[in-house]
Amino acid sequence: MIAFSRTAGDALMALGDGESAALSGTLTAATWTDNAGKVRPSLSLQAHAVLTPYHVTRRRQAVDKPKDTEPRTHATAAIDDLPNDQLDF
């Protein structure tokens, strides 16, 4: 596995033996020859992104946080800021 991104590299270095991770990147298949002359397959992954159980838990906690108020969208903020001009017909 090769990681050029510091974020991906840090996530990989934080993993312990047997920990699971989901990786996204470029996979390259190749072959190599051992000392006995036998050709063997090899895979090389250039990791662009790493997702670990820690990241999943952290994101779920961020989504599950109770929100004090609903965020105002650009459209509702503009409507709420308009003066209430009532016209008598």
PDB file of N, CA and C in Angstrom:
ATOM      1  N   MET A   1       0.827  -1.151   0.000  1.00  0.00           N
ATOM      2  CA  MET A   1       0.000   0.000   0.000  1.00  0.00           C
ATOM      3  C   MET A   1       0.888   1.236   0.000  1.00  0.00           C
ATOM      4  N   ILE A   2       0.510   2.223  -0.798  1.00  0.00           N
ATOM      5  CA  ILE A   2       1.254   3.467  -0.900  1.00  0.00           C
ATOM      6  C   ILE A   2       0.270   4.596  -0.645  1.00  0.00           C
ATOM      7  N   ALA A   3       0.638   5.559   0.188  1.00  0.00           N
ATOM      8  CA  ALA A   3      -0.224   6.716   0.444  1.00  0.00           C
ATOM      9  C   ALA A   3       0.611   7.978   0.330  1.00  0.00           C
ATOM     10  N   PHE A   4       0.261   8.847  -0.612  1.00  0.00           N
ATOM     11  CA  PHE A   4       0.959  10.114  -0.766  1.00  0.00           C
ATOM     12  C   PHE A   4       0.257  11.221   0.011  1.00  0.00           C
ATOM     13  N   SER A   5      -1.050  11.068   0.223  1.00  0.00           N
ATOM     14  CA  SER A   5      -1.809  12.043   0.991  1.00  0.00           C
ATOM     15  C   SER A   5      -1.463  11.904   2.468  1.00  0.00           C
ATOM     16  N   ARG A   6      -1.202  13.005   3.119  1.00  0.00           N
ATOM     17  CA  ARG A   6      -0.854  12.956   4.549  1.00  0.00           C
ATOM     18  C   ARG A   6      -2.034  12.419   5.368  1.00  0.00           C
ATOM     19  N   THR A   7      -3.249  12.802   5.009  1.00  0.00           N
ATOM     20  CA  THR A   7      -4.433  12.342   5.728  1.00  0.00           C
ATOM     21  C   THR A   7      -4.578  10.824   5.628  1.00  0.00           C
ATOM     22  N   ALA A   8      -4.428  10.298   4.417  1.00  0.00           N
ATOM     23  CA  ALA A   8      -4.524   8.848   4.224  1.00  0.00           C
ATOM     24  C   ALA A   8      -3.378   8.135   4.925  1.00  0.00           C
ATOM     25  N   GLY A   9      -2.193   8.673   4.835  1.00  0.00           N
ATOM     26  CA  GLY A   9      -1.024   8.073   5.489  1.00  0.00           C
ATOM     27  C   GLY A   9      -1.170   8.044   7.003  1.00  0.00           C
ATOM     28  N   ASP A  10      -1.653   9.142   7.588  1.00  0.00           N
ATOM     29  CA  ASP A  10      -1.851   9.187   9.037  1.00  0.00           C
ATOM     30  C   ASP A  10      -2.895   8.172   9.487  1.00  0.00           C
ATOM     31  N   ALA A  11      -3.963   8.037   8.718  1.00  0.00           N
ATOM     32  CA  ALA A  11      -5.010   7.068   9.062  1.00  0.00           C
ATOM     33  C   ALA A  11      -4.471   5.642   8.995  1.00  0.00           C
ATOM     34  N   LEU A  12      -3.653   5.356   7.991  1.00  0.00           N
ATOM     35  CA  LEU A  12      -3.066   4.014   7.870  1.00  0.00           C
ATOM     36  C   LEU A  12      -2.080   3.730   8.997  1.00  0.00           C
ATOM     37  N   MET A  13      -1.278   4.727   9.360  1.00  0.00           N
ATOM     38  CA  MET A  13      -0.292   4.533  10.421  1.00  0.00           C
ATOM     39  C   MET A  13      -0.945   4.349  11.791  1.00  0.00           C
ATOM     40  N   ALA A  14      -2.163   4.865  11.957  1.00  0.00           N
ATOM     41  CA  ALA A  14      -2.863   4.746  13.237  1.00  0.00           C
ATOM     42  C   ALA A  14      -3.515   3.381  13.409  1.00  0.00           C
ATOM     43  N   LEU A  15      -3.611   2.602  12.344  1.00  0.00           N
ATOM     44  CA  LEU A  15      -4.236   1.278  12.431  1.00  0.00           C
ATOM     45  C   LEU A  15      -3.337   0.303  13.172  1.00  0.00           C
ATOM     46  N   GLY A  16      -3.961  -0.554  13.958  1.00  0.00           N
ATOM     47  CA  GLY A  16      -3.235  -1.611  14.640  1.00  0.00           C
ATOM     48  C   GLY A  16      -3.419  -2.931  13.915  1.00  0.00           C
ATOM     49  N   ASP A  17      -2.729  -3.968  14.365  1.00  0.00           N
ATOM     50  CA  ASP A  17      -2.836  -5.289  13.750  1.00  0.00           C
ATOM     51  C   ASP A  17      -4.282  -5.786  13.828  1.00  0.00           C
ATOM     52  N   GLY A  18      -4.807  -6.229  12.719  1.00  0.00           N
ATOM     53  CA  GLY A  18      -6.140  -6.823  12.669  1.00  0.00           C
ATOM     54  C   GLY A  18      -7.282  -5.833  12.573  1.00  0.00           C
ATOM     55  N   GLU A  19      -7.006  -4.527  12.598  1.00  0.00           N
ATOM     56  CA  GLU A  19      -8.084  -3.545  12.488  1.00  0.00           C
ATOM     57  C   GLU A  19      -8.542  -3.440  11.040  1.00  0.00           C
ATOM     58  N   SER A  20      -9.841  -3.238  10.860  1.00  0.00           N
ATOM     59  CA  SER A  20     -10.388  -3.152   9.511  1.00  0.00           C
ATOM     60  C   SER A  20     -10.331  -1.720   8.995  1.00  0.00           C
ATOM     61  N   ALA A  21     -10.307  -1.605   7.681  1.00  0.00           N
ATOM     62  CA  ALA A  21     -10.293  -0.303   7.028  1.00  0.00           C
ATOM     63  C   ALA A  21     -10.838  -0.473   5.614  1.00  0.00           C
ATOM     64  N   ALA A  22     -11.507   0.558   5.126  1.00  0.00           N
ATOM     65  CA  ALA A  22     -11.948   0.608   3.738  1.00  0.00           C
ATOM     66  C   ALA A  22     -11.050   1.601   3.023  1.00  0.00           C
ATOM     67  N   LEU A  23     -10.505   1.193   1.888  1.00  0.00           N
ATOM     68  CA  LEU A  23      -9.563   2.023   1.152  1.00  0.00           C
ATOM     69  C   LEU A  23     -10.113   2.358  -0.228  1.00  0.00           C
ATOM     70  N   SER A  24      -9.795   3.543  -0.671  1.00  0.00           N
ATOM     71  CA  SER A  24     -10.162   3.972  -2.009  1.00  0.00           C
ATOM     72  C   SER A  24      -8.893   4.449  -2.694  1.00  0.00           C
ATOM     73  N   GLY A  25      -8.690   3.997  -3.934  1.00  0.00           N
ATOM     74  CA  GLY A  25      -7.481   4.412  -4.640  1.00  0.00           C
ATOM     75  C   GLY A  25      -7.290   3.658  -5.937  1.00  0.00           C
ATOM     76  N   THR A  26      -6.075   3.690  -6.424  1.00  0.00           N
ATOM     77  CA  THR A  26      -5.720   3.054  -7.686  1.00  0.00           C
ATOM     78  C   THR A  26      -5.031   1.724  -7.404  1.00  0.00           C
ATOM     79  N   LEU A  27      -5.623   0.651  -7.928  1.00  0.00           N
ATOM     80  CA  LEU A  27      -5.082  -0.695  -7.732  1.00  0.00           C
ATOM     81  C   LEU A  27      -4.339  -1.114  -8.998  1.00  0.00           C
ATOM     82  N   THR A  28      -3.106  -1.574  -8.826  1.00  0.00           N
ATOM     83  CA  THR A  28      -2.287  -2.015  -9.950  1.00  0.00           C
ATOM     84  C   THR A  28      -1.888  -3.476  -9.749  1.00  0.00           C
ATOM     85  N   ALA A  29      -2.149  -4.289 -10.754  1.00  0.00           N
ATOM     86  CA  ALA A  29      -1.758  -5.704 -10.724  1.00  0.00           C
ATOM     87  C   ALA A  29      -0.448  -5.870 -11.483  1.00  0.00           C
ATOM     88  N   ALA A  30       0.446  -6.684 -10.933  1.00  0.00           N
ATOM     89  CA  ALA A  30       1.746  -6.931 -11.565  1.00  0.00           C
ATOM     90  C   ALA A  30       2.225  -8.328 -11.174  1.00  0.00           C
ATOM     91  N   THR A  31       3.426  -8.681 -11.618  1.00  0.00           N
ATOM     92  CA  THR A  31       4.032  -9.957 -11.233  1.00  0.00           C
ATOM     93  C   THR A  31       5.464  -9.698 -10.793  1.00  0.00           C
ATOM     94  N   TRP A  32       6.000 -10.648 -10.036  1.00  0.00           N
ATOM     95  CA  TRP A  32       7.398 -10.597  -9.628  1.00  0.00           C
ATOM     96  C   TRP A  32       7.937 -12.018  -9.636  1.00  0.00           C
ATOM     97  N   THR A  33       9.230 -12.153  -9.716  1.00  0.00           N
ATOM     98  CA  THR A  33       9.860 -13.468  -9.765  1.00  0.00           C
ATOM     99  C   THR A  33      10.629 -13.708  -8.476  1.00  0.00           C
ATOM    100  N   ASP A  34      10.343 -14.845  -7.803  1.00  0.00           N
ATOM    101  CA  ASP A  34      11.031 -15.144  -6.547  1.00  0.00           C
ATOM    102  C   ASP A  34      12.417 -15.725  -6.832  1.00  0.00           C
ATOM    103  N   ASN A  35      13.161 -16.072  -5.787  1.00  0.00           N
ATOM    104  CA  ASN A  35      14.538 -16.587  -5.934  1.00  0.00           C
ATOM    105  C   ASN A  35      14.598 -17.912  -6.672  1.00  0.00           C
ATOM    106  N   ALA A  36      13.498 -18.674  -6.629  1.00  0.00           N
ATOM    107  CA  ALA A  36      13.467 -19.970  -7.322  1.00  0.00           C
ATOM    108  C   ALA A  36      13.069 -19.821  -8.786  1.00  0.00           C
ATOM    109  N   GLY A  37      12.803 -18.597  -9.228  1.00  0.00           N
ATOM    110  CA  GLY A  37      12.424 -18.365 -10.623  1.00  0.00           C
ATOM    111  C   GLY A  37      10.936 -18.487 -10.877  1.00  0.00           C
ATOM    112  N   LYS A  38      10.138 -18.649  -9.820  1.00  0.00           N
ATOM    113  CA  LYS A  38       8.690 -18.775  -9.977  1.00  0.00           C
ATOM    114  C   LYS A  38       8.064 -17.383 -10.043  1.00  0.00           C
ATOM    115  N   VAL A  39       7.203 -17.192 -11.067  1.00  0.00           N
ATOM    116  CA  VAL A  39       6.519 -15.913 -11.239  1.00  0.00           C
ATOM    117  C   VAL A  39       5.314 -15.869 -10.296  1.00  0.00           C
ATOM    118  N   ARG A  40       5.204 -14.798  -9.537  1.00  0.00           N
ATOM    119  CA  ARG A  40       4.130 -14.650  -8.557  1.00  0.00           C
ATOM    120  C   ARG A  40       3.367 -13.347  -8.814  1.00  0.00           C
ATOM    121  N   PRO A  41       2.071 -13.353  -8.521  1.00  0.00           N
ATOM    122  CA  PRO A  41       1.283 -12.132  -8.707  1.00  0.00           C
ATOM    123  C   PRO A  41       1.502 -11.156  -7.548  1.00  0.00           C
ATOM    124  N   SER A  42       1.291  -9.893  -7.821  1.00  0.00           N
ATOM    125  CA  SER A  42       1.355  -8.881  -6.757  1.00  0.00           C
ATOM    126  C   SER A  42       0.318  -7.797  -7.031  1.00  0.00           C
ATOM    127  N   LEU A  43      -0.141  -7.157  -5.981  1.00  0.00           N
ATOM    128  CA  LEU A  43      -1.073  -6.040  -6.079  1.00  0.00           C
ATOM    129  C   LEU A  43      -0.477  -4.857  -5.334  1.00  0.00           C
ATOM    130  N   SER A  44      -0.648  -3.683  -5.902  1.00  0.00           N
ATOM    131  CA  SER A  44      -0.187  -2.452  -5.260  1.00  0.00           C
ATOM    132  C   SER A  44      -1.353  -1.482  -5.260  1.00  0.00           C
ATOM    133  N   LEU A  45      -1.644  -0.911  -4.099  1.00  0.00           N
ATOM    134  CA  LEU A  45      -2.753   0.040  -3.982  1.00  0.00           C
ATOM    135  C   LEU A  45      -2.205   1.399  -3.585  1.00  0.00           C
ATOM    136  N   GLN A  46      -2.489   2.400  -4.403  1.00  0.00           N
ATOM    137  CA  GLN A  46      -2.161   3.780  -4.047  1.00  0.00           C
ATOM    138  C   GLN A  46      -3.400   4.351  -3.375  1.00  0.00           C
ATOM    139  N   ALA A  47      -3.366   4.474  -2.048  1.00  0.00           N
ATOM    140  CA  ALA A  47      -4.534   4.886  -1.265  1.00  0.00           C
ATOM    141  C   ALA A  47      -4.759   6.382  -1.355  1.00  0.00           C
ATOM    142  N   HIS A  48      -5.963   6.754  -1.760  1.00  0.00           N
ATOM    143  CA  HIS A  48      -6.357   8.161  -1.812  1.00  0.00           C
ATOM    144  C   HIS A  48      -7.180   8.529  -0.585  1.00  0.00           C
ATOM    145  N   ALA A  49      -7.965   7.566  -0.076  1.00  0.00           N
ATOM    146  CA  ALA A  49      -8.813   7.814   1.091  1.00  0.00           C
ATOM    147  C   ALA A  49      -8.881   6.553   1.933  1.00  0.00           C
ATOM    148  N   VAL A  50      -8.986   6.749   3.247  1.00  0.00           N
ATOM    149  CA  VAL A  50      -9.049   5.641   4.194  1.00  0.00           C
ATOM    150  C   VAL A  50     -10.230   5.885   5.126  1.00  0.00           C
ATOM    151  N   LEU A  51     -11.049   4.862   5.315  1.00  0.00           N
ATOM    152  CA  LEU A  51     -12.180   4.943   6.228  1.00  0.00           C
ATOM    153  C   LEU A  51     -12.045   3.817   7.240  1.00  0.00           C
ATOM    154  N   THR A  52     -11.969   4.181   8.517  1.00  0.00           N
ATOM    155  CA  THR A  52     -11.817   3.200   9.586  1.00  0.00           C
ATOM    156  C   THR A  52     -13.052   3.239  10.483  1.00  0.00           C
ATOM    157  N   PRO A  53     -13.244   2.240  11.346  1.00  0.00           N
ATOM    158  CA  PRO A  53     -14.375   2.289  12.283  1.00  0.00           C
ATOM    159  C   PRO A  53     -14.363   3.556  13.142  1.00  0.00           C
ATOM    160  N   TYR A  54     -13.192   4.075  13.466  1.00  0.00           N
ATOM    161  CA  TYR A  54     -13.086   5.319  14.230  1.00  0.00           C
ATOM    162  C   TYR A  54     -13.736   6.470  13.468  1.00  0.00           C
ATOM    163  N   HIS A  55     -13.451   6.582  12.164  1.00  0.00           N
ATOM    164  CA  HIS A  55     -14.022   7.652  11.358  1.00  0.00           C
ATOM    165  C   HIS A  55     -15.542   7.518  11.258  1.00  0.00           C
ATOM    166  N   VAL A  56     -16.024   6.293  11.108  1.00  0.00           N
ATOM    167  CA  VAL A  56     -17.468   6.061  11.007  1.00  0.00           C
ATOM    168  C   VAL A  56     -18.156   6.489  12.297  1.00  0.00           C
ATOM    169  N   THR A  57     -17.606   6.093  13.444  1.00  0.00           N
ATOM    170  CA  THR A  57     -18.191   6.452  14.733  1.00  0.00           C
ATOM    171  C   THR A  57     -18.194   7.964  14.914  1.00  0.00           C
ATOM    172  N   ARG A  58     -17.106   8.590  14.574  1.00  0.00           N
ATOM    173  CA  ARG A  58     -17.001  10.049  14.727  1.00  0.00           C
ATOM    174  C   ARG A  58     -18.010  10.777  13.851  1.00  0.00           C
ATOM    175  N   ARG A  59     -18.204  10.319  12.640  1.00  0.00           N
ATOM    176  CA  ARG A  59     -19.173  10.959  11.737  1.00  0.00           C
ATOM    177  C   ARG A  59     -20.603  10.726  12.211  1.00  0.00           C
ATOM    178  N   ARG A  60     -20.902   9.519  12.705  1.00  0.00           N
ATOM    179  CA  ARG A  60     -22.245   9.254  13.220  1.00  0.00           C
ATOM    180  C   ARG A  60     -22.554  10.132  14.425  1.00  0.00           C
ATOM    181  N   GLN A  61     -21.587  10.320  15.306  1.00  0.00           N
ATOM    182  CA  GLN A  61     -21.795  11.175  16.470  1.00  0.00           C
ATOM    183  C   GLN A  61     -22.042  12.622  16.046  1.00  0.00           C
ATOM    184  N   ALA A  62     -21.347  13.070  15.030  1.00  0.00           N
ATOM    185  CA  ALA A  62     -21.538  14.439  14.549  1.00  0.00           C
ATOM    186  C   ALA A  62     -22.931  14.625  13.960  1.00  0.00           C
ATOM    187  N   VAL A  63     -23.426  13.601  13.266  1.00  0.00           N
ATOM    188  CA  VAL A  63     -24.753  13.689  12.657  1.00  0.00           C
ATOM    189  C   VAL A  63     -25.844  13.585  13.721  1.00  0.00           C
ATOM    190  N   ASP A  64     -25.626  12.788  14.757  1.00  0.00           N
ATOM    191  CA  ASP A  64     -26.634  12.556  15.785  1.00  0.00           C
ATOM    192  C   ASP A  64     -26.702  13.647  16.844  1.00  0.00           C
ATOM    193  N   LYS A  65     -25.813  14.639  16.803  1.00  0.00           N
ATOM    194  CA  LYS A  65     -25.834  15.714  17.796  1.00  0.00           C
ATOM    195  C   LYS A  65     -27.164  16.458  17.705  1.00  0.00           C
ATOM    196  N   PRO A  66     -27.809  16.722  18.859  1.00  0.00           N
ATOM    197  CA  PRO A  66     -29.047  17.509  18.810  1.00  0.00           C
ATOM    198  C   PRO A  66     -28.733  18.942  18.399  1.00  0.00           C
ATOM    199  N   LYS A  67     -29.577  19.481  17.572  1.00  0.00           N
ATOM    200  CA  LYS A  67     -29.367  20.839  17.090  1.00  0.00           C
ATOM    201  C   LYS A  67     -30.342  21.761  17.810  1.00  0.00           C
ATOM    202  N   ASP A  68     -29.845  22.894  18.290  1.00  0.00           N
ATOM    203  CA  ASP A  68     -30.681  23.843  19.010  1.00  0.00           C
ATOM    204  C   ASP A  68     -31.707  24.504  18.097  1.00  0.00           C
ATOM    205  N   THR A  69     -31.290  24.897  16.934  1.00  0.00           N
ATOM    206  CA  THR A  69     -32.180  25.548  15.984  1.00  0.00           C
ATOM    207  C   THR A  69     -31.937  24.962  14.611  1.00  0.00           C
ATOM    208  N   GLU A  70     -32.953  25.100  13.788  1.00  0.00           N
ATOM    209  CA  GLU A  70     -32.786  24.652  12.406  1.00  0.00           C
ATOM    210  C   GLU A  70     -31.960  25.681  11.653  1.00  0.00           C
ATOM    211  N   PRO A  71     -31.050  25.230  10.829  1.00  0.00           N
ATOM    212  CA  PRO A  71     -30.259  26.189  10.061  1.00  0.00           C
ATOM    213  C   PRO A  71     -31.139  26.906   9.042  1.00  0.00           C
ATOM    214  N   ARG A  72     -30.878  28.166   8.859  1.00  0.00           N
ATOM    215  CA  ARG A  72     -31.639  28.930   7.879  1.00  0.00           C
ATOM    216  C   ARG A  72     -30.966  28.809   6.530  1.00  0.00           C
ATOM    217  N   THR A  73     -31.737  28.478   5.545  1.00  0.00           N
ATOM    218  CA  THR A  73     -31.185  28.428   4.195  1.00  0.00           C
ATOM    219  C   THR A  73     -31.139  29.835   3.630  1.00  0.00           C
ATOM    220  N   HIS A  74     -30.460  29.996   2.557  1.00  0.00           N
ATOM    221  CA  HIS A  74     -30.341  31.312   1.925  1.00  0.00           C
ATOM    222  C   HIS A  74     -31.719  31.844   1.545  1.00  0.00           C
ATOM    223  N   ALA A  75     -32.586  30.957   1.019  1.00  0.00           N
ATOM    224  CA  ALA A  75     -33.913  31.385   0.577  1.00  0.00           C
ATOM    225  C   ALA A  75     -34.779  31.811   1.759  1.00  0.00           C
ATOM    226  N   THR A  76     -34.819  31.031   2.849  1.00  0.00           N
ATOM    227  CA  THR A  76     -35.663  31.399   3.984  1.00  0.00           C
ATOM    228  C   THR A  76     -35.113  32.610   4.699  1.00  0.00           C
ATOM    229  N   ALA A  77     -33.816  32.778   4.739  1.00  0.00           N
ATOM    230  CA  ALA A  77     -33.233  33.955   5.373  1.00  0.00           C
ATOM    231  C   ALA A  77     -33.649  35.206   4.612  1.00  0.00           C
ATOM    232  N   ALA A  78     -33.654  35.160   3.315  1.00  0.00           N
ATOM    233  CA  ALA A  78     -34.032  36.314   2.512  1.00  0.00           C
ATOM    234  C   ALA A  78     -35.509  36.635   2.706  1.00  0.00           C
ATOM    235  N   ILE A  79     -36.374  35.639   2.760  1.00  0.00           N
ATOM    236  CA  ILE A  79     -37.810  35.867   2.953  1.00  0.00           C
ATOM    237  C   ILE A  79     -38.078  36.417   4.343  1.00  0.00           C
ATOM    238  N   ASP A  80     -37.434  35.885   5.354  1.00  0.00           N
ATOM    239  CA  ASP A  80     -37.643  36.332   6.723  1.00  0.00           C
ATOM    240  C   ASP A  80     -37.165  37.765   6.936  1.00  0.00           C
ATOM    241  N   ASP A  81     -36.216  38.209   6.181  1.00  0.00           N
ATOM    242  CA  ASP A  81     -35.656  39.551   6.355  1.00  0.00           C
ATOM    243  C   ASP A  81     -36.449  40.630   5.624  1.00  0.00           C
ATOM    244  N   LEU A  82     -37.423  40.245   4.798  1.00  0.00           N
ATOM    245  CA  LEU A  82     -38.226  41.224   4.073  1.00  0.00           C
ATOM    246  C   LEU A  82     -39.230  41.875   5.019  1.00  0.00           C
ATOM    247  N   PRO A  83     -39.525  43.170   4.815  1.00  0.00           N
ATOM    248  CA  PRO A  83     -40.532  43.811   5.659  1.00  0.00           C
ATOM    249  C   PRO A  83     -41.921  43.245   5.352  1.00  0.00           C
ATOM    250  N   ASN A  84     -42.795  43.258   6.343  1.00  0.00           N
ATOM    251  CA  ASN A  84     -44.156  42.751   6.162  1.00  0.00           C
ATOM    252  C   ASN A  84     -45.037  43.893   5.713  1.00  0.00           C
ATOM    253  N   ASP A  85     -45.092  44.120   4.436  1.00  0.00           N
ATOM    254  CA  ASP A  85     -45.911  45.194   3.857  1.00  0.00           C
ATOM    255  C   ASP A  85     -47.274  44.612   3.487  1.00  0.00           C
ATOM    256  N   GLN A  86     -48.279  44.938   4.290  1.00  0.00           N
ATOM    257  CA  GLN A  86     -49.634  44.475   3.970  1.00  0.00           C
ATOM    258  C   GLN A  86     -50.324  45.520   3.120  1.00  0.00           C
ATOM    259  N   LEU A  87     -50.898  45.066   2.062  1.00  0.00           N
ATOM    260  CA  LEU A  87     -51.608  45.973   1.166  1.00  0.00           C
ATOM    261  C   LEU A  87     -53.107  45.729   1.295  1.00  0.00           C
ATOM    262  N   ASP A  88     -53.883  46.795   1.470  1.00  0.00           N
ATOM    263  CA  ASP A  88     -55.335  46.662   1.540  1.00  0.00           C
ATOM    264  C   ASP A  88     -55.888  46.737   0.124  1.00  0.00           C
ATOM    265  N   PHE A  89     -56.714  45.775  -0.214  1.00  0.00           N
ATOM    266  CA  PHE A  89     -57.314  45.759  -1.558  1.00  0.00           C
ATOM    267  C   PHE A  89     -58.755  46.118  -1.458  1.00  0.00           C
TER     268      PHE A  89
END
